[in-house]
Amino acid sequence: MALAATSCDRPLLYPECELMAQITGMDLILLRFDALHGASFDVLLNEASEWLNHYVAWRLDLSSLWLIPCAGSGPYFRLSSDGLEPCELPPFETGYQRYAGIMRAAEKPSFEGGY
């Protein structure tokens, strides 16, 4: 998995990141940081032609780090040592668990808990 970061708005950096994903042959995650709205992630799966936009970080008990859609449903992505693991089902069961996991990821924005 390749990771890029920017404070630019969408769709800026898409062409450059698409080239990076093509050259590396990896899934790509583009972190977008906005001082007022926080961080969101755009995902480009290896050999995919379309971006998956507006994902947020989600964490369960300081362990697995996930990327979940900001609104709506899947796909959901678990970050692991093998890269992005797509899942059809969310890692949470209730709206409260969803919210708590987003807050947990915001409070501990690192890979310290593992991936």
PDB file of N, CA and C in Angstrom:
ATOM      1  N   MET A   1       0.847  -1.155   0.000  1.00  0.00           N
ATOM      2  CA  MET A   1       0.000   0.000   0.000  1.00  0.00           C
ATOM      3  C   MET A   1       0.897   1.224   0.000  1.00  0.00           C
ATOM      4  N   ALA A   2       0.535   2.201  -0.802  1.00  0.00           N
ATOM      5  CA  ALA A   2       1.250   3.474  -0.855  1.00  0.00           C
ATOM      6  C   ALA A   2       0.384   4.535  -0.189  1.00  0.00           C
ATOM      7  N   LEU A   3       1.030   5.510   0.428  1.00  0.00           N
ATOM      8  CA  LEU A   3       0.318   6.564   1.141  1.00  0.00           C
ATOM      9  C   LEU A   3       0.838   7.910   0.681  1.00  0.00           C
ATOM     10  N   ALA A   4      -0.092   8.820   0.394  1.00  0.00           N
ATOM     11  CA  ALA A   4       0.247  10.196   0.051  1.00  0.00           C
ATOM     12  C   ALA A   4      -0.614  11.099   0.924  1.00  0.00           C
ATOM     13  N   ALA A   5      -0.172  12.325   1.123  1.00  0.00           N
ATOM     14  CA  ALA A   5      -0.922  13.260   1.960  1.00  0.00           C
ATOM     15  C   ALA A   5      -0.872  14.653   1.355  1.00  0.00           C
ATOM     16  N   THR A   6      -1.946  15.398   1.580  1.00  0.00           N
ATOM     17  CA  THR A   6      -2.029  16.754   1.058  1.00  0.00           C
ATOM     18  C   THR A   6      -3.030  17.562   1.868  1.00  0.00           C
ATOM     19  N   SER A   7      -2.943  18.867   1.741  1.00  0.00           N
ATOM     20  CA  SER A   7      -3.971  19.742   2.293  1.00  0.00           C
ATOM     21  C   SER A   7      -4.794  20.351   1.157  1.00  0.00           C
ATOM     22  N   CYS A   8      -4.603  19.853  -0.057  1.00  0.00           N
ATOM     23  CA  CYS A   8      -5.350  20.324  -1.234  1.00  0.00           C
ATOM     24  C   CYS A   8      -6.735  19.685  -1.289  1.00  0.00           C
ATOM     25  N   ASP A   9      -7.675  20.420  -1.867  1.00  0.00           N
ATOM     26  CA  ASP A   9      -9.035  19.911  -2.048  1.00  0.00           C
ATOM     27  C   ASP A   9      -9.099  18.917  -3.204  1.00  0.00           C
ATOM     28  N   ARG A  10     -10.162  18.103  -3.196  1.00  0.00           N
ATOM     29  CA  ARG A  10     -10.423  17.201  -4.309  1.00  0.00           C
ATOM     30  C   ARG A  10     -10.740  18.030  -5.545  1.00  0.00           C
ATOM     31  N   PRO A  11     -10.362  17.664  -6.697  1.00  0.00           N
ATOM     32  CA  PRO A  11      -9.671  16.458  -7.146  1.00  0.00           C
ATOM     33  C   PRO A  11      -8.158  16.635  -7.294  1.00  0.00           C
ATOM     34  N   LEU A  12      -7.610  17.697  -6.717  1.00  0.00           N
ATOM     35  CA  LEU A  12      -6.169  17.927  -6.858  1.00  0.00           C
ATOM     36  C   LEU A  12      -5.374  16.724  -6.366  1.00  0.00           C
ATOM     37  N   LEU A  13      -4.311  16.426  -7.039  1.00  0.00           N
ATOM     38  CA  LEU A  13      -3.371  15.332  -6.807  1.00  0.00           C
ATOM     39  C   LEU A  13      -3.853  13.965  -7.288  1.00  0.00           C
ATOM     40  N   TYR A  14      -5.058  13.861  -7.812  1.00  0.00           N
ATOM     41  CA  TYR A  14      -5.491  12.561  -8.336  1.00  0.00           C
ATOM     42  C   TYR A  14      -4.583  12.063  -9.463  1.00  0.00           C
ATOM     43  N   PRO A  15      -4.273  12.882 -10.475  1.00  0.00           N
ATOM     44  CA  PRO A  15      -3.420  12.355 -11.558  1.00  0.00           C
ATOM     45  C   PRO A  15      -2.052  11.886 -11.061  1.00  0.00           C
ATOM     46  N   GLU A  16      -1.446  12.653 -10.165  1.00  0.00           N
ATOM     47  CA  GLU A  16      -0.134  12.277  -9.642  1.00  0.00           C
ATOM     48  C   GLU A  16      -0.207  10.985  -8.838  1.00  0.00           C
ATOM     49  N   CYS A  17      -1.254  10.842  -8.036  1.00  0.00           N
ATOM     50  CA  CYS A  17      -1.406   9.628  -7.224  1.00  0.00           C
ATOM     51  C   CYS A  17      -1.746   8.418  -8.095  1.00  0.00           C
ATOM     52  N   GLU A  18      -2.523   8.632  -9.144  1.00  0.00           N
ATOM     53  CA  GLU A  18      -2.825   7.531 -10.061  1.00  0.00           C
ATOM     54  C   GLU A  18      -1.546   7.025 -10.718  1.00  0.00           C
ATOM     55  N   LEU A  19      -0.667   7.942 -11.082  1.00  0.00           N
ATOM     56  CA  LEU A  19       0.613   7.551 -11.664  1.00  0.00           C
ATOM     57  C   LEU A  19       1.459   6.793 -10.643  1.00  0.00           C
ATOM     58  N   MET A  20       1.466   7.277  -9.402  1.00  0.00           N
ATOM     59  CA  MET A  20       2.220   6.597  -8.344  1.00  0.00           C
ATOM     60  C   MET A  20       1.691   5.182  -8.123  1.00  0.00           C
ATOM     61  N   ALA A  21       0.376   5.017  -8.103  1.00  0.00           N
ATOM     62  CA  ALA A  21      -0.220   3.690  -7.917  1.00  0.00           C
ATOM     63  C   ALA A  21       0.123   2.774  -9.088  1.00  0.00           C
ATOM     64  N   GLN A  22       0.103   3.328 -10.285  1.00  0.00           N
ATOM     65  CA  GLN A  22       0.422   2.529 -11.474  1.00  0.00           C
ATOM     66  C   GLN A  22       1.885   2.085 -11.449  1.00  0.00           C
ATOM     67  N   ILE A  23       2.787   2.978 -11.092  1.00  0.00           N
ATOM     68  CA  ILE A  23       4.216   2.651 -11.067  1.00  0.00           C
ATOM     69  C   ILE A  23       4.537   1.630  -9.982  1.00  0.00           C
ATOM     70  N   THR A  24       3.934   1.798  -8.801  1.00  0.00           N
ATOM     71  CA  THR A  24       4.232   0.895  -7.684  1.00  0.00           C
ATOM     72  C   THR A  24       3.437  -0.400  -7.750  1.00  0.00           C
ATOM     73  N   GLY A  25       2.296  -0.392  -8.458  1.00  0.00           N
ATOM     74  CA  GLY A  25       1.439  -1.572  -8.498  1.00  0.00           C
ATOM     75  C   GLY A  25       0.754  -1.836  -7.169  1.00  0.00           C
ATOM     76  N   MET A  26       0.540  -0.771  -6.388  1.00  0.00           N
ATOM     77  CA  MET A  26      -0.046  -0.912  -5.049  1.00  0.00           C
ATOM     78  C   MET A  26      -1.363  -0.152  -4.947  1.00  0.00           C
ATOM     79  N   ASP A  27      -2.168  -0.552  -3.944  1.00  0.00           N
ATOM     80  CA  ASP A  27      -3.304   0.267  -3.554  1.00  0.00           C
ATOM     81  C   ASP A  27      -2.738   1.582  -3.033  1.00  0.00           C
ATOM     82  N   LEU A  28      -3.509   2.664  -3.190  1.00  0.00           N
ATOM     83  CA  LEU A  28      -3.036   3.963  -2.731  1.00  0.00           C
ATOM     84  C   LEU A  28      -4.070   4.614  -1.832  1.00  0.00           C
ATOM     85  N   ILE A  29      -3.607   5.183  -0.742  1.00  0.00           N
ATOM     86  CA  ILE A  29      -4.453   5.959   0.162  1.00  0.00           C
ATOM     87  C   ILE A  29      -3.953   7.392   0.122  1.00  0.00           C
ATOM     88  N   LEU A  30      -4.859   8.322  -0.150  1.00  0.00           N
ATOM     89  CA  LEU A  30      -4.533   9.741  -0.166  1.00  0.00           C
ATOM     90  C   LEU A  30      -5.204  10.399   1.034  1.00  0.00           C
ATOM     91  N   LEU A  31      -4.399  10.833   1.985  1.00  0.00           N
ATOM     92  CA  LEU A  31      -4.891  11.539   3.169  1.00  0.00           C
ATOM     93  C   LEU A  31      -5.070  13.001   2.802  1.00  0.00           C
ATOM     94  N   ARG A  32      -6.250  13.519   3.042  1.00  0.00           N
ATOM     95  CA  ARG A  32      -6.524  14.943   2.815  1.00  0.00           C
ATOM     96  C   ARG A  32      -6.803  15.580   4.166  1.00  0.00           C
ATOM     97  N   PHE A  33      -6.004  16.597   4.499  1.00  0.00           N
ATOM     98  CA  PHE A  33      -6.185  17.277   5.779  1.00  0.00           C
ATOM     99  C   PHE A  33      -6.741  18.670   5.541  1.00  0.00           C
ATOM    100  N   ASP A  34      -7.788  18.981   6.274  1.00  0.00           N
ATOM    101  CA  ASP A  34      -8.401  20.301   6.244  1.00  0.00           C
ATOM    102  C   ASP A  34      -8.425  20.819   7.677  1.00  0.00           C
ATOM    103  N   ALA A  35      -7.897  22.008   7.901  1.00  0.00           N
ATOM    104  CA  ALA A  35      -7.795  22.551   9.257  1.00  0.00           C
ATOM    105  C   ALA A  35      -9.156  22.696   9.930  1.00  0.00           C
ATOM    106  N   LEU A  36     -10.200  22.929   9.165  1.00  0.00           N
ATOM    107  CA  LEU A  36     -11.532  23.099   9.744  1.00  0.00           C
ATOM    108  C   LEU A  36     -12.316  21.798   9.848  1.00  0.00           C
ATOM    109  N   HIS A  37     -12.103  20.878   8.907  1.00  0.00           N
ATOM    110  CA  HIS A  37     -12.906  19.656   8.859  1.00  0.00           C
ATOM    111  C   HIS A  37     -12.150  18.390   9.241  1.00  0.00           C
ATOM    112  N   GLY A  38     -10.859  18.494   9.483  1.00  0.00           N
ATOM    113  CA  GLY A  38     -10.081  17.325   9.884  1.00  0.00           C
ATOM    114  C   GLY A  38      -9.605  16.515   8.695  1.00  0.00           C
ATOM    115  N   ALA A  39      -9.317  15.255   8.949  1.00  0.00           N
ATOM    116  CA  ALA A  39      -8.733  14.374   7.934  1.00  0.00           C
ATOM    117  C   ALA A  39      -9.799  13.501   7.284  1.00  0.00           C
ATOM    118  N   SER A  40      -9.625  13.275   5.998  1.00  0.00           N
ATOM    119  CA  SER A  40     -10.415  12.276   5.279  1.00  0.00           C
ATOM    120  C   SER A  40      -9.465  11.554   4.334  1.00  0.00           C
ATOM    121  N   PHE A  41      -9.908  10.425   3.836  1.00  0.00           N
ATOM    122  CA  PHE A  41      -9.060   9.579   3.009  1.00  0.00           C
ATOM    123  C   PHE A  41      -9.768   9.251   1.706  1.00  0.00           C
ATOM    124  N   ASP A  42      -8.998   9.253   0.627  1.00  0.00           N
ATOM    125  CA  ASP A  42      -9.475   8.778  -0.667  1.00  0.00           C
ATOM    126  C   ASP A  42      -8.683   7.517  -0.985  1.00  0.00           C
ATOM    127  N   VAL A  43      -9.350   6.510  -1.507  1.00  0.00           N
ATOM    128  CA  VAL A  43      -8.725   5.208  -1.749  1.00  0.00           C
ATOM    129  C   VAL A  43      -8.768   4.895  -3.242  1.00  0.00           C
ATOM    130  N   LEU A  44      -7.633   4.468  -3.771  1.00  0.00           N
ATOM    131  CA  LEU A  44      -7.556   3.983  -5.146  1.00  0.00           C
ATOM    132  C   LEU A  44      -7.000   2.571  -5.094  1.00  0.00           C
ATOM    133  N   LEU A  45      -7.859   1.597  -5.376  1.00  0.00           N
ATOM    134  CA  LEU A  45      -7.420   0.204  -5.359  1.00  0.00           C
ATOM    135  C   LEU A  45      -6.560  -0.086  -6.580  1.00  0.00           C
ATOM    136  N   ASN A  46      -5.620  -0.985  -6.427  1.00  0.00           N
ATOM    137  CA  ASN A  46      -4.705  -1.347  -7.501  1.00  0.00           C
ATOM    138  C   ASN A  46      -5.486  -1.708  -8.767  1.00  0.00           C
ATOM    139  N   GLU A  47      -5.151  -1.087  -9.851  1.00  0.00           N
ATOM    140  CA  GLU A  47      -5.755  -1.318 -11.165  1.00  0.00           C
ATOM    141  C   GLU A  47      -7.215  -0.881 -11.261  1.00  0.00           C
ATOM    142  N   ALA A  48      -7.709  -0.101 -10.287  1.00  0.00           N
ATOM    143  CA  ALA A  48      -9.068   0.437 -10.374  1.00  0.00           C
ATOM    144  C   ALA A  48      -9.019   1.752 -11.144  1.00  0.00           C
ATOM    145  N   SER A  49     -10.122   2.108 -11.751  1.00  0.00           N
ATOM    146  CA  SER A  49     -10.161   3.348 -12.520  1.00  0.00           C
ATOM    147  C   SER A  49     -10.859   4.478 -11.777  1.00  0.00           C
ATOM    148  N   GLU A  50     -11.549   4.156 -10.681  1.00  0.00           N
ATOM    149  CA  GLU A  50     -12.287   5.185  -9.958  1.00  0.00           C
ATOM    150  C   GLU A  50     -11.854   5.242  -8.505  1.00  0.00           C
ATOM    151  N   TRP A  51     -11.828   6.449  -7.980  1.00  0.00           N
ATOM    152  CA  TRP A  51     -11.475   6.684  -6.583  1.00  0.00           C
ATOM    153  C   TRP A  51     -12.680   6.419  -5.688  1.00  0.00           C
ATOM    154  N   LEU A  52     -12.423   5.960  -4.481  1.00  0.00           N
ATOM    155  CA  LEU A  52     -13.425   5.875  -3.415  1.00  0.00           C
ATOM    156  C   LEU A  52     -13.109   7.045  -2.487  1.00  0.00           C
ATOM    157  N   ASN A  53     -14.059   7.959  -2.336  1.00  0.00           N
ATOM    158  CA  ASN A  53     -13.805   9.232  -1.657  1.00  0.00           C
ATOM    159  C   ASN A  53     -14.442   9.325  -0.280  1.00  0.00           C
ATOM    160  N   HIS A  54     -13.915  10.248   0.493  1.00  0.00           N
ATOM    161  CA  HIS A  54     -14.501  10.653   1.774  1.00  0.00           C
ATOM    162  C   HIS A  54     -14.578   9.515   2.790  1.00  0.00           C
ATOM    163  N   TYR A  55     -13.471   8.858   3.024  1.00  0.00           N
ATOM    164  CA  TYR A  55     -13.389   7.846   4.071  1.00  0.00           C
ATOM    165  C   TYR A  55     -12.812   8.482   5.332  1.00  0.00           C
ATOM    166  N   VAL A  56     -13.161   7.932   6.482  1.00  0.00           N
ATOM    167  CA  VAL A  56     -12.606   8.386   7.759  1.00  0.00           C
ATOM    168  C   VAL A  56     -11.965   7.199   8.467  1.00  0.00           C
ATOM    169  N   ALA A  57     -11.052   7.508   9.373  1.00  0.00           N
ATOM    170  CA  ALA A  57     -10.384   6.458  10.145  1.00  0.00           C
ATOM    171  C   ALA A  57     -11.321   5.966  11.241  1.00  0.00           C
ATOM    172  N   TRP A  58     -11.248   4.679  11.534  1.00  0.00           N
ATOM    173  CA  TRP A  58     -12.056   4.044  12.577  1.00  0.00           C
ATOM    174  C   TRP A  58     -11.175   3.028  13.293  1.00  0.00           C
ATOM    175  N   ARG A  59     -11.256   2.995  14.609  1.00  0.00           N
ATOM    176  CA  ARG A  59     -10.405   2.074  15.381  1.00  0.00           C
ATOM    177  C   ARG A  59     -11.222   1.426  16.495  1.00  0.00           C
ATOM    178  N   LEU A  60     -10.960   0.134  16.713  1.00  0.00           N
ATOM    179  CA  LEU A  60     -11.594  -0.618  17.791  1.00  0.00           C
ATOM    180  C   LEU A  60     -10.566  -0.873  18.879  1.00  0.00           C
ATOM    181  N   ASP A  61     -10.787  -0.347  20.059  1.00  0.00           N
ATOM    182  CA  ASP A  61      -9.934  -0.632  21.223  1.00  0.00           C
ATOM    183  C   ASP A  61      -8.444  -0.520  20.935  1.00  0.00           C
ATOM    184  N   LEU A  62      -8.052   0.530  20.253  1.00  0.00           N
ATOM    185  CA  LEU A  62      -6.635   0.784  19.947  1.00  0.00           C
ATOM    186  C   LEU A  62      -5.970  -0.359  19.198  1.00  0.00           C
ATOM    187  N   SER A  63      -6.769  -1.151  18.503  1.00  0.00           N
ATOM    188  CA  SER A  63      -6.180  -2.245  17.725  1.00  0.00           C
ATOM    189  C   SER A  63      -6.326  -1.926  16.245  1.00  0.00           C
ATOM    190  N   SER A  64      -7.009  -2.743  15.532  1.00  0.00           N
ATOM    191  CA  SER A  64      -7.123  -2.613  14.076  1.00  0.00           C
ATOM    192  C   SER A  64      -7.562  -1.221  13.644  1.00  0.00           C
ATOM    193  N   LEU A  65      -6.895  -0.721  12.627  1.00  0.00           N
ATOM    194  CA  LEU A  65      -7.264   0.554  12.027  1.00  0.00           C
ATOM    195  C   LEU A  65      -8.041   0.264  10.748  1.00  0.00           C
ATOM    196  N   TRP A  66      -9.166   0.925  10.596  1.00  0.00           N
ATOM    197  CA  TRP A  66     -10.039   0.751   9.442  1.00  0.00           C
ATOM    198  C   TRP A  66     -10.247   2.087   8.751  1.00  0.00           C
ATOM    199  N   LEU A  67     -10.631   2.051   7.488  1.00  0.00           N
ATOM    200  CA  LEU A  67     -11.154   3.202   6.771  1.00  0.00           C
ATOM    201  C   LEU A  67     -12.598   2.874   6.438  1.00  0.00           C
ATOM    202  N   ILE A  68     -13.502   3.766   6.869  1.00  0.00           N
ATOM    203  CA  ILE A  68     -14.928   3.545   6.644  1.00  0.00           C
ATOM    204  C   ILE A  68     -15.497   4.755   5.899  1.00  0.00           C
ATOM    205  N   PRO A  69     -16.561   4.551   5.111  1.00  0.00           N
ATOM    206  CA  PRO A  69     -17.153   5.686   4.398  1.00  0.00           C
ATOM    207  C   PRO A  69     -17.666   6.736   5.376  1.00  0.00           C
ATOM    208  N   CYS A  70     -17.481   7.992   5.013  1.00  0.00           N
ATOM    209  CA  CYS A  70     -17.961   9.086   5.851  1.00  0.00           C
ATOM    210  C   CYS A  70     -19.483   9.009   5.997  1.00  0.00           C
ATOM    211  N   ALA A  71     -20.154   8.620   4.937  1.00  0.00           N
ATOM    212  CA  ALA A  71     -21.608   8.459   4.955  1.00  0.00           C
ATOM    213  C   ALA A  71     -21.960   7.249   4.094  1.00  0.00           C
ATOM    214  N   GLY A  72     -23.077   6.653   4.385  1.00  0.00           N
ATOM    215  CA  GLY A  72     -23.511   5.508   3.592  1.00  0.00           C
ATOM    216  C   GLY A  72     -22.838   4.221   4.029  1.00  0.00           C
ATOM    217  N   SER A  73     -22.746   3.287   3.091  1.00  0.00           N
ATOM    218  CA  SER A  73     -22.188   1.979   3.429  1.00  0.00           C
ATOM    219  C   SER A  73     -21.031   1.636   2.510  1.00  0.00           C
ATOM    220  N   GLY A  74     -20.336   0.572   2.824  1.00  0.00           N
ATOM    221  CA  GLY A  74     -19.130  -0.010   2.250  1.00  0.00           C
ATOM    222  C   GLY A  74     -18.749   0.418   0.852  1.00  0.00           C
ATOM    223  N   PRO A  75     -17.629  -0.084   0.407  1.00  0.00           N
ATOM    224  CA  PRO A  75     -16.820  -1.074   1.114  1.00  0.00           C
ATOM    225  C   PRO A  75     -16.054  -0.459   2.286  1.00  0.00           C
ATOM    226  N   TYR A  76     -15.687  -1.316   3.204  1.00  0.00           N
ATOM    227  CA  TYR A  76     -14.907  -0.942   4.378  1.00  0.00           C
ATOM    228  C   TYR A  76     -13.524  -1.551   4.194  1.00  0.00           C
ATOM    229  N   PHE A  77     -12.498  -0.888   4.718  1.00  0.00           N
ATOM    230  CA  PHE A  77     -11.133  -1.372   4.533  1.00  0.00           C
ATOM    231  C   PHE A  77     -10.417  -1.501   5.867  1.00  0.00           C
ATOM    232  N   ARG A  78      -9.875  -2.676   6.118  1.00  0.00           N
ATOM    233  CA  ARG A  78      -9.025  -2.902   7.286  1.00  0.00           C
ATOM    234  C   ARG A  78      -7.589  -2.760   6.824  1.00  0.00           C
ATOM    235  N   LEU A  79      -6.807  -1.955   7.534  1.00  0.00           N
ATOM    236  CA  LEU A  79      -5.392  -1.808   7.213  1.00  0.00           C
ATOM    237  C   LEU A  79      -4.624  -2.900   7.923  1.00  0.00           C
ATOM    238  N   SER A  80      -3.840  -3.646   7.171  1.00  0.00           N
ATOM    239  CA  SER A  80      -3.068  -4.744   7.747  1.00  0.00           C
ATOM    240  C   SER A  80      -1.657  -4.723   7.176  1.00  0.00           C
ATOM    241  N   SER A  81      -0.830  -5.617   7.655  1.00  0.00           N
ATOM    242  CA  SER A  81       0.540  -5.700   7.143  1.00  0.00           C
ATOM    243  C   SER A  81       0.557  -6.135   5.680  1.00  0.00           C
ATOM    244  N   ASP A  82      -0.556  -6.684   5.199  1.00  0.00           N
ATOM    245  CA  ASP A  82      -0.672  -7.087   3.798  1.00  0.00           C
ATOM    246  C   ASP A  82      -1.249  -5.982   2.922  1.00  0.00           C
ATOM    247  N   GLY A  83      -1.618  -4.862   3.515  1.00  0.00           N
ATOM    248  CA  GLY A  83      -2.208  -3.755   2.767  1.00  0.00           C
ATOM    249  C   GLY A  83      -3.652  -3.534   3.170  1.00  0.00           C
ATOM    250  N   LEU A  84      -4.464  -3.136   2.213  1.00  0.00           N
ATOM    251  CA  LEU A  84      -5.887  -2.907   2.454  1.00  0.00           C
ATOM    252  C   LEU A  84      -6.656  -4.206   2.276  1.00  0.00           C
ATOM    253  N   GLU A  85      -7.459  -4.546   3.272  1.00  0.00           N
ATOM    254  CA  GLU A  85      -8.321  -5.722   3.179  1.00  0.00           C
ATOM    255  C   GLU A  85      -9.763  -5.240   3.047  1.00  0.00           C
ATOM    256  N   PRO A  86     -10.354  -5.305   1.841  1.00  0.00           N
ATOM    257  CA  PRO A  86     -11.735  -4.858   1.683  1.00  0.00           C
ATOM    258  C   PRO A  86     -12.710  -5.806   2.365  1.00  0.00           C
ATOM    259  N   CYS A  87     -13.735  -5.227   2.985  1.00  0.00           N
ATOM    260  CA  CYS A  87     -14.782  -6.003   3.662  1.00  0.00           C
ATOM    261  C   CYS A  87     -16.133  -5.415   3.272  1.00  0.00           C
ATOM    262  N   GLU A  88     -17.110  -6.281   3.093  1.00  0.00           N
ATOM    263  CA  GLU A  88     -18.453  -5.817   2.765  1.00  0.00           C
ATOM    264  C   GLU A  88     -19.206  -5.356   4.000  1.00  0.00           C
ATOM    265  N   LEU A  89     -18.915  -5.972   5.148  1.00  0.00           N
ATOM    266  CA  LEU A  89     -19.626  -5.642   6.379  1.00  0.00           C
ATOM    267  C   LEU A  89     -18.812  -4.664   7.214  1.00  0.00           C
ATOM    268  N   PRO A  90     -19.487  -3.752   7.904  1.00  0.00           N
ATOM    269  CA  PRO A  90     -18.761  -2.786   8.734  1.00  0.00           C
ATOM    270  C   PRO A  90     -18.174  -3.455   9.977  1.00  0.00           C
ATOM    271  N   PRO A  91     -17.136  -2.853  10.553  1.00  0.00           N
ATOM    272  CA  PRO A  91     -16.535  -3.402  11.763  1.00  0.00           C
ATOM    273  C   PRO A  91     -17.302  -3.010  13.029  1.00  0.00           C
ATOM    274  N   PHE A  92     -18.449  -2.387  12.868  1.00  0.00           N
ATOM    275  CA  PHE A  92     -19.273  -1.938  13.993  1.00  0.00           C
ATOM    276  C   PHE A  92     -20.703  -2.407  13.763  1.00  0.00           C
ATOM    277  N   GLU A  93     -21.484  -2.438  14.851  1.00  0.00           N
ATOM    278  CA  GLU A  93     -22.873  -2.894  14.736  1.00  0.00           C
ATOM    279  C   GLU A  93     -23.889  -1.779  14.929  1.00  0.00           C
ATOM    280  N   THR A  94     -23.513  -0.746  15.665  1.00  0.00           N
ATOM    281  CA  THR A  94     -24.460   0.324  15.974  1.00  0.00           C
ATOM    282  C   THR A  94     -23.877   1.681  15.593  1.00  0.00           C
ATOM    283  N   GLY A  95     -24.741   2.668  15.518  1.00  0.00           N
ATOM    284  CA  GLY A  95     -24.284   4.028  15.261  1.00  0.00           C
ATOM    285  C   GLY A  95     -23.356   4.531  16.351  1.00  0.00           C
ATOM    286  N   TYR A  96     -23.640   4.141  17.595  1.00  0.00           N
ATOM    287  CA  TYR A  96     -22.771   4.552  18.693  1.00  0.00           C
ATOM    288  C   TYR A  96     -21.370   3.962  18.532  1.00  0.00           C
ATOM    289  N   GLN A  97     -21.275   2.675  18.174  1.00  0.00           N
ATOM    290  CA  GLN A  97     -19.966   2.046  17.969  1.00  0.00           C
ATOM    291  C   GLN A  97     -19.219   2.713  16.815  1.00  0.00           C
ATOM    292  N   ARG A  98     -19.949   3.094  15.778  1.00  0.00           N
ATOM    293  CA  ARG A  98     -19.333   3.789  14.647  1.00  0.00           C
ATOM    294  C   ARG A  98     -18.725   5.107  15.118  1.00  0.00           C
ATOM    295  N   TYR A  99     -19.525   5.896  15.823  1.00  0.00           N
ATOM    296  CA  TYR A  99     -19.067   7.193  16.321  1.00  0.00           C
ATOM    297  C   TYR A  99     -17.883   7.036  17.278  1.00  0.00           C
ATOM    298  N   ALA A 100     -17.984   6.093  18.214  1.00  0.00           N
ATOM    299  CA  ALA A 100     -16.913   5.887  19.197  1.00  0.00           C
ATOM    300  C   ALA A 100     -15.610   5.477  18.519  1.00  0.00           C
ATOM    301  N   GLY A 101     -15.688   4.654  17.486  1.00  0.00           N
ATOM    302  CA  GLY A 101     -14.489   4.231  16.761  1.00  0.00           C
ATOM    303  C   GLY A 101     -13.833   5.369  15.999  1.00  0.00           C
ATOM    304  N   ILE A 102     -14.643   6.269  15.449  1.00  0.00           N
ATOM    305  CA  ILE A 102     -14.103   7.446  14.761  1.00  0.00           C
ATOM    306  C   ILE A 102     -13.404   8.349  15.774  1.00  0.00           C
ATOM    307  N   MET A 103     -14.026   8.557  16.927  1.00  0.00           N
ATOM    308  CA  MET A 103     -13.410   9.390  17.968  1.00  0.00           C
ATOM    309  C   MET A 103     -12.117   8.752  18.482  1.00  0.00           C
ATOM    310  N   ARG A 104     -12.117   7.442  18.654  1.00  0.00           N
ATOM    311  CA  ARG A 104     -10.926   6.722  19.118  1.00  0.00           C
ATOM    312  C   ARG A 104      -9.777   6.891  18.122  1.00  0.00           C
ATOM    313  N   ALA A 105     -10.073   6.799  16.833  1.00  0.00           N
ATOM    314  CA  ALA A 105      -9.038   6.966  15.802  1.00  0.00           C
ATOM    315  C   ALA A 105      -8.514   8.397  15.783  1.00  0.00           C
ATOM    316  N   ALA A 106      -9.390   9.365  16.037  1.00  0.00           N
ATOM    317  CA  ALA A 106      -8.957  10.766  16.055  1.00  0.00           C
ATOM    318  C   ALA A 106      -8.072  11.051  17.263  1.00  0.00           C
ATOM    319  N   GLU A 107      -8.361  10.399  18.387  1.00  0.00           N
ATOM    320  CA  GLU A 107      -7.567  10.615  19.600  1.00  0.00           C
ATOM    321  C   GLU A 107      -6.208   9.946  19.514  1.00  0.00           C
ATOM    322  N   LYS A 108      -6.081   8.894  18.743  1.00  0.00           N
ATOM    323  CA  LYS A 108      -4.834   8.128  18.626  1.00  0.00           C
ATOM    324  C   LYS A 108      -4.502   7.979  17.140  1.00  0.00           C
ATOM    325  N   PRO A 109      -4.123   9.096  16.469  1.00  0.00           N
ATOM    326  CA  PRO A 109      -3.924   9.050  15.014  1.00  0.00           C
ATOM    327  C   PRO A 109      -2.565   8.497  14.603  1.00  0.00           C
ATOM    328  N   SER A 110      -2.308   7.262  14.955  1.00  0.00           N
ATOM    329  CA  SER A 110      -1.034   6.643  14.585  1.00  0.00           C
ATOM    330  C   SER A 110      -1.240   5.150  14.409  1.00  0.00           C
ATOM    331  N   PHE A 111      -0.166   4.476  14.050  1.00  0.00           N
ATOM    332  CA  PHE A 111      -0.211   3.031  13.911  1.00  0.00           C
ATOM    333  C   PHE A 111       0.303   2.347  15.171  1.00  0.00           C
ATOM    334  N   GLU A 112       0.381   3.082  16.298  1.00  0.00           N
ATOM    335  CA  GLU A 112       0.898   2.507  17.539  1.00  0.00           C
ATOM    336  C   GLU A 112       0.106   1.290  17.973  1.00  0.00           C
ATOM    337  N   GLY A 113      -1.203   1.326  17.763  1.00  0.00           N
ATOM    338  CA  GLY A 113      -2.051   0.217  18.177  1.00  0.00           C
ATOM    339  C   GLY A 113      -1.922  -0.992  17.275  1.00  0.00           C
ATOM    340  N   GLY A 114      -1.151  -0.883  16.238  1.00  0.00           N
ATOM    341  CA  GLY A 114      -0.987  -1.978  15.290  1.00  0.00           C
ATOM    342  C   GLY A 114      -1.824  -1.757  14.057  1.00  0.00           C
ATOM    343  N   TYR A 115      -1.572  -2.579  13.080  1.00  0.00           N
ATOM    344  CA  TYR A 115      -2.375  -2.517  11.859  1.00  0.00           C
ATOM    345  C   TYR A 115      -2.493  -3.884  11.255  1.00  0.00           C
TER     346      TYR A 115
END
